[in-house]
Every structure is written in structure tokens, then in C-alpha cells.
PDB file of N, CA and C in Angstrom:
ATOM      1  N   MET A   1       7.611   6.478  -4.507  1.00  0.00           N
ATOM      2  CA  MET A   1       7.653   6.883  -2.497  1.00  0.00           C
ATOM      3  C   MET A   1       8.517   6.658  -1.555  1.00  0.00           C
ATOM      4  N   THR A   2       9.279   5.558  -2.196  1.00  0.00           N
ATOM      5  CA  THR A   2      10.273   5.475  -1.140  1.00  0.00           C
ATOM      6  C   THR A   2      11.799   4.855  -1.788  1.00  0.00           C
ATOM      7  N   GLU A   3      12.805   5.443  -1.869  1.00  0.00           N
ATOM      8  CA  GLU A   3      13.404   5.329  -2.528  1.00  0.00           C
ATOM      9  C   GLU A   3      14.511   4.491  -2.247  1.00  0.00           C
ATOM     10  N   ASP A   4      15.234   3.466  -2.644  1.00  0.00           N
ATOM     11  CA  ASP A   4      15.994   2.554  -2.632  1.00  0.00           C
ATOM     12  C   ASP A   4      17.525   3.407  -2.247  1.00  0.00           C
ATOM     13  N   THR A   5      18.502   2.934  -1.036  1.00  0.00           N
ATOM     14  CA  THR A   5      19.636   3.477  -0.948  1.00  0.00           C
ATOM     15  C   THR A   5      20.749   2.982  -1.920  1.00  0.00           C
ATOM     16  N   ASP A   6      21.778   3.155  -2.320  1.00  0.00           N
ATOM     17  CA  ASP A   6      22.912   2.312  -2.612  1.00  0.00           C
ATOM     18  C   ASP A   6      22.888   0.749  -2.461  1.00  0.00           C
ATOM     19  N   MET A   7      22.792   0.339  -1.067  1.00  0.00           N
ATOM     20  CA  MET A   7      22.137  -0.838  -0.976  1.00  0.00           C
ATOM     21  C   MET A   7      20.995  -1.615  -1.019  1.00  0.00           C
ATOM     22  N   GLY A   8      20.189  -1.184  -1.205  1.00  0.00           N
ATOM     23  CA  GLY A   8      18.787  -1.770  -1.803  1.00  0.00           C
ATOM     24  C   GLY A   8      18.146  -1.654  -0.924  1.00  0.00           C
ATOM     25  N   GLU A   9      18.288  -0.638   0.136  1.00  0.00           N
ATOM     26  CA  GLU A   9      17.792  -0.317   1.577  1.00  0.00           C
ATOM     27  C   GLU A   9      16.260  -0.033   1.369  1.00  0.00           C
ATOM     28  N   MET A  10      14.764  -0.080   2.081  1.00  0.00           N
ATOM     29  CA  MET A  10      14.037   0.790   1.764  1.00  0.00           C
ATOM     30  C   MET A  10      13.761   1.404   3.062  1.00  0.00           C
ATOM     31  N   LYS A  11      13.702   2.755   3.201  1.00  0.00           N
ATOM     32  CA  LYS A  11      13.480   4.088   3.943  1.00  0.00           C
ATOM     33  C   LYS A  11      11.891   3.924   4.381  1.00  0.00           C
ATOM     34  N   TRP A  12      11.343   4.405   5.696  1.00  0.00           N
ATOM     35  CA  TRP A  12       9.932   4.490   6.119  1.00  0.00           C
ATOM     36  C   TRP A  12      10.005   5.802   5.922  1.00  0.00           C
ATOM     37  N   THR A  13       8.765   6.313   5.446  1.00  0.00           N
ATOM     38  CA  THR A  13       8.159   7.641   5.266  1.00  0.00           C
ATOM     39  C   THR A  13       6.563   7.613   5.464  1.00  0.00           C
ATOM     40  N   THR A  14       6.645   8.976   6.241  1.00  0.00           N
ATOM     41  CA  THR A  14       4.860   8.363   6.126  1.00  0.00           C
ATOM     42  C   THR A  14       3.756   9.277   5.146  1.00  0.00           C
ATOM     43  N   GLU A  15       4.599   9.033   4.044  1.00  0.00           N
ATOM     44  CA  GLU A  15       3.826   9.572   2.830  1.00  0.00           C
ATOM     45  C   GLU A  15       2.971   8.255   2.425  1.00  0.00           C
ATOM     46  N   ASN A  16       1.527   8.596   1.789  1.00  0.00           N
ATOM     47  CA  ASN A  16       1.344   7.335   1.428  1.00  0.00           C
ATOM     48  C   ASN A  16       1.278   6.796   0.173  1.00  0.00           C
ATOM     49  N   PRO A  17       1.682   5.279  -0.153  1.00  0.00           N
ATOM     50  CA  PRO A  17       1.879   5.036  -1.542  1.00  0.00           C
ATOM     51  C   PRO A  17       0.617   5.788  -2.624  1.00  0.00           C
ATOM     52  N   THR A  18       1.803   5.630  -3.876  1.00  0.00           N
ATOM     53  CA  THR A  18       0.747   6.382  -4.686  1.00  0.00           C
ATOM     54  C   THR A  18       0.083   5.379  -6.193  1.00  0.00           C
ATOM     55  N   GLU A  19       0.544   4.277  -5.609  1.00  0.00           N
ATOM     56  CA  GLU A  19       0.985   3.128  -6.909  1.00  0.00           C
ATOM     57  C   GLU A  19       0.512   1.943  -5.924  1.00  0.00           C
ATOM     58  N   PRO A  20      -0.184   1.097  -7.076  1.00  0.00           N
ATOM     59  CA  PRO A  20      -0.658  -0.536  -7.112  1.00  0.00           C
ATOM     60  C   PRO A  20       0.704  -1.196  -6.583  1.00  0.00           C
ATOM     61  N   GLY A  21       0.782  -2.257  -5.499  1.00  0.00           N
ATOM     62  CA  GLY A  21       1.407  -3.111  -5.250  1.00  0.00           C
ATOM     63  C   GLY A  21       1.841  -3.902  -3.821  1.00  0.00           C
ATOM     64  N   TRP A  22       3.127  -3.994  -3.419  1.00  0.00           N
ATOM     65  CA  TRP A  22       3.183  -4.221  -2.213  1.00  0.00           C
ATOM     66  C   TRP A  22       3.861  -3.494  -1.054  1.00  0.00           C
ATOM     67  N   TYR A  23       3.450  -3.737   0.107  1.00  0.00           N
ATOM     68  CA  TYR A  23       4.414  -2.218   1.252  1.00  0.00           C
ATOM     69  C   TYR A  23       4.462  -2.715   2.196  1.00  0.00           C
ATOM     70  N   TRP A  24       5.672  -2.598   2.933  1.00  0.00           N
ATOM     71  CA  TRP A  24       5.639  -2.491   4.622  1.00  0.00           C
ATOM     72  C   TRP A  24       4.993  -1.643   4.784  1.00  0.00           C
ATOM     73  N   VAL A  25       3.739  -1.837   6.290  1.00  0.00           N
ATOM     74  CA  VAL A  25       3.113  -1.263   7.002  1.00  0.00           C
ATOM     75  C   VAL A  25       3.642  -0.698   8.294  1.00  0.00           C
ATOM     76  N   LYS A  26       3.391   0.313   8.955  1.00  0.00           N
ATOM     77  CA  LYS A  26       3.926   0.105  10.404  1.00  0.00           C
ATOM     78  C   LYS A  26       2.802   1.030  10.351  1.00  0.00           C
ATOM     79  N   HIS A  27       1.529   0.405  10.929  1.00  0.00           N
ATOM     80  CA  HIS A  27       1.052   1.205  11.883  1.00  0.00           C
ATOM     81  C   HIS A  27       0.988   1.185  13.683  1.00  0.00           C
ATOM     82  N   PRO A  28       0.344   1.774  14.107  1.00  0.00           N
ATOM     83  CA  PRO A  28       0.492   2.221  16.049  1.00  0.00           C
ATOM     84  C   PRO A  28      -0.116   0.850  16.533  1.00  0.00           C
ATOM     85  N   PHE A  29      -1.345   0.293  15.762  1.00  0.00           N
ATOM     86  CA  PHE A  29      -2.191  -0.641  16.392  1.00  0.00           C
ATOM     87  C   PHE A  29      -1.418  -2.126  16.005  1.00  0.00           C
ATOM     88  N   PHE A  30      -0.744  -2.375  15.477  1.00  0.00           N
ATOM     89  CA  PHE A  30       0.295  -3.681  15.138  1.00  0.00           C
ATOM     90  C   PHE A  30       1.843  -3.989  14.704  1.00  0.00           C
ATOM     91  N   ASN A  31       2.087  -4.381  14.526  1.00  0.00           N
ATOM     92  CA  ASN A  31       3.347  -4.224  14.364  1.00  0.00           C
ATOM     93  C   ASN A  31       3.846  -4.110  12.774  1.00  0.00           C
ATOM     94  N   LYS A  32       4.765  -4.268  12.148  1.00  0.00           N
ATOM     95  CA  LYS A  32       5.205  -3.680  10.752  1.00  0.00           C
ATOM     96  C   LYS A  32       4.190  -5.593   9.527  1.00  0.00           C
ATOM     97  N   ILE A  33       4.254  -4.970   8.645  1.00  0.00           N
ATOM     98  CA  ILE A  33       3.444  -5.977   8.164  1.00  0.00           C
ATOM     99  C   ILE A  33       3.475  -5.775   6.897  1.00  0.00           C
ATOM    100  N   ILE A  34       3.243  -6.910   5.986  1.00  0.00           N
ATOM    101  CA  ILE A  34       3.092  -6.598   4.594  1.00  0.00           C
ATOM    102  C   ILE A  34       1.792  -6.505   3.852  1.00  0.00           C
ATOM    103  N   ALA A  35       1.207  -5.311   2.952  1.00  0.00           N
ATOM    104  CA  ALA A  35       0.027  -4.983   2.468  1.00  0.00           C
ATOM    105  C   ALA A  35       0.131  -4.936   1.111  1.00  0.00           C
ATOM    106  N   LYS A  36      -0.874  -5.617   0.600  1.00  0.00           N
ATOM    107  CA  LYS A  36      -1.188  -4.875  -0.959  1.00  0.00           C
ATOM    108  C   LYS A  36      -2.332  -4.040  -1.065  1.00  0.00           C
ATOM    109  N   ILE A  37      -1.981  -3.038  -1.634  1.00  0.00           N
ATOM    110  CA  ILE A  37      -2.115  -1.599  -2.514  1.00  0.00           C
ATOM    111  C   ILE A  37      -2.676  -1.834  -3.586  1.00  0.00           C
ATOM    112  N   TYR A  38      -4.221  -2.016  -4.017  1.00  0.00           N
ATOM    113  CA  TYR A  38      -5.099  -2.139  -4.943  1.00  0.00           C
ATOM    114  C   TYR A  38      -5.527  -0.893  -5.919  1.00  0.00           C
ATOM    115  N   LYS A  39      -5.638  -0.507  -6.994  1.00  0.00           N
ATOM    116  CA  LYS A  39      -6.394   0.308  -7.826  1.00  0.00           C
ATOM    117  C   LYS A  39      -7.599   0.013  -8.202  1.00  0.00           C
ATOM    118  N   TYR A  40      -9.023   0.430  -7.425  1.00  0.00           N
ATOM    119  CA  TYR A  40     -10.198   0.393  -8.056  1.00  0.00           C
ATOM    120  C   TYR A  40     -10.551   1.691  -8.838  1.00  0.00           C
ATOM    121  N   VAL A  41     -11.315   1.263  -9.819  1.00  0.00           N
ATOM    122  CA  VAL A  41     -11.900   2.336 -10.914  1.00  0.00           C
ATOM    123  C   VAL A  41     -13.714   2.700 -10.595  1.00  0.00           C
ATOM    124  N   SER A  42     -14.046   3.694  -9.885  1.00  0.00           N
ATOM    125  CA  SER A  42     -15.299   4.050  -9.773  1.00  0.00           C
ATOM    126  C   SER A  42     -15.860   3.342 -11.288  1.00  0.00           C
ATOM    127  N   GLN A  43     -17.061   2.938 -10.667  1.00  0.00           N
ATOM    128  CA  GLN A  43     -18.418   2.655 -11.360  1.00  0.00           C
ATOM    129  C   GLN A  43     -19.454   3.527 -11.524  1.00  0.00           C
ATOM    130  N   GLY A  44     -19.087   4.559 -10.771  1.00  0.00           N
ATOM    131  CA  GLY A  44     -20.431   5.178 -10.434  1.00  0.00           C
ATOM    132  C   GLY A  44     -21.473   5.455  -9.513  1.00  0.00           C
ATOM    133  N   PHE A  45     -21.221   4.535  -8.525  1.00  0.00           N
ATOM    134  CA  PHE A  45     -22.004   3.948  -7.159  1.00  0.00           C
ATOM    135  C   PHE A  45     -21.923   5.122  -6.628  1.00  0.00           C
ATOM    136  N   ASP A  46     -20.782   5.206  -5.448  1.00  0.00           N
ATOM    137  CA  ASP A  46     -20.433   6.228  -4.867  1.00  0.00           C
ATOM    138  C   ASP A  46     -19.866   7.376  -4.602  1.00  0.00           C
ATOM    139  N   ASP A  47     -18.664   6.821  -5.943  1.00  0.00           N
ATOM    140  CA  ASP A  47     -17.580   8.496  -6.600  1.00  0.00           C
ATOM    141  C   ASP A  47     -18.221   8.428  -8.455  1.00  0.00           C
ATOM    142  N   GLU A  48     -18.023   9.353  -8.487  1.00  0.00           N
ATOM    143  CA  GLU A  48     -17.793   9.251  -9.685  1.00  0.00           C
ATOM    144  C   GLU A  48     -17.589   8.563 -10.749  1.00  0.00           C
ATOM    145  N   LYS A  49     -17.984   8.154 -11.441  1.00  0.00           N
ATOM    146  CA  LYS A  49     -17.442   6.749 -12.758  1.00  0.00           C
ATOM    147  C   LYS A  49     -15.686   6.959 -12.951  1.00  0.00           C
ATOM    148  N   GLY A  50     -15.360   6.539 -12.868  1.00  0.00           N
ATOM    149  CA  GLY A  50     -13.741   6.279 -13.708  1.00  0.00           C
ATOM    150  C   GLY A  50     -12.865   7.401 -12.694  1.00  0.00           C
ATOM    151  N   THR A  51     -13.412   7.016 -11.120  1.00  0.00           N
ATOM    152  CA  THR A  51     -12.334   7.971 -10.084  1.00  0.00           C
ATOM    153  C   THR A  51     -11.801   6.936  -9.938  1.00  0.00           C
ATOM    154  N   GLU A  52     -10.380   6.835  -9.694  1.00  0.00           N
ATOM    155  CA  GLU A  52      -9.279   5.913  -9.190  1.00  0.00           C
ATOM    156  C   GLU A  52      -9.291   6.105  -7.501  1.00  0.00           C
ATOM    157  N   ILE A  53      -9.666   4.730  -6.975  1.00  0.00           N
ATOM    158  CA  ILE A  53      -9.276   4.663  -5.423  1.00  0.00           C
ATOM    159  C   ILE A  53      -7.784   3.878  -5.559  1.00  0.00           C
ATOM    160  N   LEU A  54      -6.727   4.115  -4.706  1.00  0.00           N
ATOM    161  CA  LEU A  54      -6.327   2.917  -3.612  1.00  0.00           C
ATOM    162  C   LEU A  54      -7.231   2.765  -2.509  1.00  0.00           C
ATOM    163  N   PHE A  55      -6.918   0.884  -1.982  1.00  0.00           N
ATOM    164  CA  PHE A  55      -7.298   0.151  -1.071  1.00  0.00           C
ATOM    165  C   PHE A  55      -6.234  -0.260  -0.532  1.00  0.00           C
ATOM    166  N   VAL A  56      -5.942  -0.949   0.590  1.00  0.00           N
ATOM    167  CA  VAL A  56      -5.371  -1.772   1.381  1.00  0.00           C
ATOM    168  C   VAL A  56      -6.063  -3.023   2.331  1.00  0.00           C
ATOM    169  N   SER A  57      -4.975  -3.947   1.882  1.00  0.00           N
ATOM    170  CA  SER A  57      -5.502  -4.931   1.696  1.00  0.00           C
ATOM    171  C   SER A  57      -4.422  -5.610   2.736  1.00  0.00           C
ATOM    172  N   GLU A  58      -5.181  -5.610   4.046  1.00  0.00           N
ATOM    173  CA  GLU A  58      -4.214  -6.793   4.807  1.00  0.00           C
ATOM    174  C   GLU A  58      -4.844  -7.906   6.048  1.00  0.00           C
ATOM    175  N   SER A  59      -4.898  -8.202   7.048  1.00  0.00           N
ATOM    176  CA  SER A  59      -5.156  -8.381   7.834  1.00  0.00           C
ATOM    177  C   SER A  59      -7.076  -8.934   7.570  1.00  0.00           C
ATOM    178  N   GLY A  60      -7.363  -8.083   7.671  1.00  0.00           N
ATOM    179  CA  GLY A  60      -8.488  -7.610   8.057  1.00  0.00           C
ATOM    180  C   GLY A  60      -9.384  -7.322   6.672  1.00  0.00           C
ATOM    181  N   PRO A  61     -10.562  -6.386   6.627  1.00  0.00           N
ATOM    182  CA  PRO A  61     -11.744  -6.058   5.352  1.00  0.00           C
ATOM    183  C   PRO A  61     -10.532  -4.961   4.632  1.00  0.00           C
ATOM    184  N   SER A  62     -10.885  -4.686   3.271  1.00  0.00           N
ATOM    185  CA  SER A  62     -10.326  -3.506   2.387  1.00  0.00           C
ATOM    186  C   SER A  62     -10.454  -2.288   3.098  1.00  0.00           C
ATOM    187  N   LYS A  63      -9.728  -1.528   3.561  1.00  0.00           N
ATOM    188  CA  LYS A  63      -9.999   0.003   3.441  1.00  0.00           C
ATOM    189  C   LYS A  63      -9.448   0.632   2.436  1.00  0.00           C
ATOM    190  N   GLN A  64      -9.709   2.313   2.185  1.00  0.00           N
ATOM    191  CA  GLN A  64      -9.454   2.778   1.614  1.00  0.00           C
ATOM    192  C   GLN A  64      -8.354   3.279   2.227  1.00  0.00           C
ATOM    193  N   LEU A  65      -6.819   3.594   1.035  1.00  0.00           N
ATOM    194  CA  LEU A  65      -6.080   4.421   2.106  1.00  0.00           C
ATOM    195  C   LEU A  65      -5.894   5.368   2.668  1.00  0.00           C
ATOM    196  N   ASP A  66      -7.020   6.292   1.806  1.00  0.00           N
ATOM    197  CA  ASP A  66      -7.227   7.317   2.850  1.00  0.00           C
ATOM    198  C   ASP A  66      -7.768   8.081   3.682  1.00  0.00           C
ATOM    199  N   SER A  67      -8.030   6.357   4.386  1.00  0.00           N
ATOM    200  CA  SER A  67      -9.460   6.846   5.797  1.00  0.00           C
ATOM    201  C   SER A  67      -8.425   7.169   6.783  1.00  0.00           C
ATOM    202  N   ASN A  68      -9.602   7.287   7.819  1.00  0.00           N
ATOM    203  CA  ASN A  68      -8.399   7.929   9.064  1.00  0.00           C
ATOM    204  C   ASN A  68      -7.830   6.579   9.400  1.00  0.00           C
ATOM    205  N   PHE A  69      -7.895   5.456   9.237  1.00  0.00           N
ATOM    206  CA  PHE A  69      -7.538   4.122   9.636  1.00  0.00           C
ATOM    207  C   PHE A  69      -5.768   4.071   9.690  1.00  0.00           C
ATOM    208  N   TYR A  70      -5.614   4.809   8.174  1.00  0.00           N
ATOM    209  CA  TYR A  70      -3.774   4.917   8.160  1.00  0.00           C
ATOM    210  C   TYR A  70      -3.330   5.889   8.202  1.00  0.00           C
ATOM    211  N   ARG A  71      -3.939   6.998   8.838  1.00  0.00           N
ATOM    212  CA  ARG A  71      -3.455   8.294   9.202  1.00  0.00           C
ATOM    213  C   ARG A  71      -2.185   8.254   9.562  1.00  0.00           C
ATOM    214  N   ASN A  72      -1.533   7.724  10.762  1.00  0.00           N
ATOM    215  CA  ASN A  72      -0.630   7.574  11.220  1.00  0.00           C
ATOM    216  C   ASN A  72       0.077   6.674  10.922  1.00  0.00           C
ATOM    217  N   CYS A  73       0.362   6.044   9.956  1.00  0.00           N
ATOM    218  CA  CYS A  73       0.985   4.745   9.936  1.00  0.00           C
ATOM    219  C   CYS A  73       2.340   5.420   8.847  1.00  0.00           C
ATOM    220  N   GLU A  74       3.345   4.747   8.733  1.00  0.00           N
ATOM    221  CA  GLU A  74       4.726   4.641   7.791  1.00  0.00           C
ATOM    222  C   GLU A  74       4.581   3.408   7.049  1.00  0.00           C
ATOM    223  N   TRP A  75       5.413   3.924   5.429  1.00  0.00           N
ATOM    224  CA  TRP A  75       5.657   2.710   4.782  1.00  0.00           C
ATOM    225  C   TRP A  75       6.412   2.894   4.108  1.00  0.00           C
ATOM    226  N   ALA A  76       7.047   1.754   3.225  1.00  0.00           N
ATOM    227  CA  ALA A  76       8.027   1.598   3.137  1.00  0.00           C
ATOM    228  C   ALA A  76       7.792   0.870   1.684  1.00  0.00           C
ATOM    229  N   GLY A  77       8.903   1.352   0.203  1.00  0.00           N
ATOM    230  CA  GLY A  77       8.235   0.125  -0.785  1.00  0.00           C
ATOM    231  C   GLY A  77       7.805   1.121  -1.943  1.00  0.00           C
ATOM    232  N   PRO A  78       7.577   0.302  -3.138  1.00  0.00           N
ATOM    233  CA  PRO A  78       7.295  -0.845  -2.956  1.00  0.00           C
ATOM    234  C   PRO A  78       8.114  -2.351  -2.582  1.00  0.00           C
ATOM    235  N   ILE A  79       7.125  -3.234  -2.716  1.00  0.00           N
ATOM    236  CA  ILE A  79       8.467  -4.554  -2.590  1.00  0.00           C
ATOM    237  C   ILE A  79       8.160  -5.573  -4.211  1.00  0.00           C
ATOM    238  N   SER A  80       9.375  -5.904  -4.320  1.00  0.00           N
ATOM    239  CA  SER A  80       9.511  -6.762  -5.889  1.00  0.00           C
ATOM    240  C   SER A  80       8.315  -7.620  -5.281  1.00  0.00           C
ATOM    241  N   GLU A  81       7.648  -8.423  -6.236  1.00  0.00           N
ATOM    242  CA  GLU A  81       7.314  -9.707  -6.651  1.00  0.00           C
ATOM    243  C   GLU A  81       7.967 -10.616  -6.572  1.00  0.00           C
ATOM    244  N   PRO A  82       8.133 -11.892  -5.722  1.00  0.00           N
ATOM    245  CA  PRO A  82       9.227 -12.812  -6.004  1.00  0.00           C
ATOM    246  C   PRO A  82       8.850 -13.596  -7.769  1.00  0.00           C
ATOM    247  N   VAL A  83       9.966 -14.024  -7.758  1.00  0.00           N
ATOM    248  CA  VAL A  83      10.011 -14.424  -9.388  1.00  0.00           C
ATOM    249  C   VAL A  83       9.091 -16.062  -9.452  1.00  0.00           C
ATOM    250  N   GLU A  84       8.108 -16.103 -10.036  1.00  0.00           N
ATOM    251  CA  GLU A  84       8.044 -17.680 -10.462  1.00  0.00           C
ATOM    252  C   GLU A  84       9.448 -18.674 -10.712  1.00  0.00           C
ATOM    253  N   SER A  85       8.916 -19.973  -9.718  1.00  0.00           N
ATOM    254  CA  SER A  85      10.478 -20.791 -10.075  1.00  0.00           C
ATOM    255  C   SER A  85       9.719 -21.770 -11.151  1.00  0.00           C
ATOM    256  N   ASP A  86      10.607 -22.683 -11.913  1.00  0.00           N
ATOM    257  CA  ASP A  86      10.204 -23.341 -13.233  1.00  0.00           C
ATOM    258  C   ASP A  86      10.084 -24.686 -12.970  1.00  0.00           C
ATOM    259  N   ASP A  87       9.937 -25.126 -11.406  1.00  0.00           N
ATOM    260  CA  ASP A  87       9.557 -26.759 -10.571  1.00  0.00           C
ATOM    261  C   ASP A  87       8.668 -26.852 -11.555  1.00  0.00           C
TER     262      ASP A  87
END
């Protein structure tokens, strides 16, 4: 989604993430935050069984990534998860 520059910097883009992971999101309703994008595979209740749907988990209830709520957002990422320490 967002390519790193030679210095490891991320750039903002209006393209929605296409893979699960942690991303920066800049939304018109709030400041920049980090949100988790996760993949749900439909069991056939609302969508055809096996349909993959990306959801966004941030401060409130999860919403589908393609919902109107995320229409005017900018994204940067994915962000690497921290390495666990051996302490």
C-alpha cells in the first residue's frame, strides 16, 4: 500500500489498505491514530460464504473498511509490530 522511502518513512495515501495489519489513519473527524485492519471470512450469513472482508478496529466498534465512515481518510502503513523481549 504505502511504499517506504530510502529512510524508512511512510507516506500518506488515500488508497485503502488491502491487507491486514496496523496502520496510521488520518480521518476528518479525529486526529491521526493507529488502527488495526483485520480480515473476516464470511460464514454465509450476510455475504456469500468465503467472502473476505476487511474491518477496521480503532477506538469504537469495528467497521467495514469500505464503509462511508472511512471514505475521506488517508492511510500509512502497514506498521511493523514490536518485537517481544526475552525479559
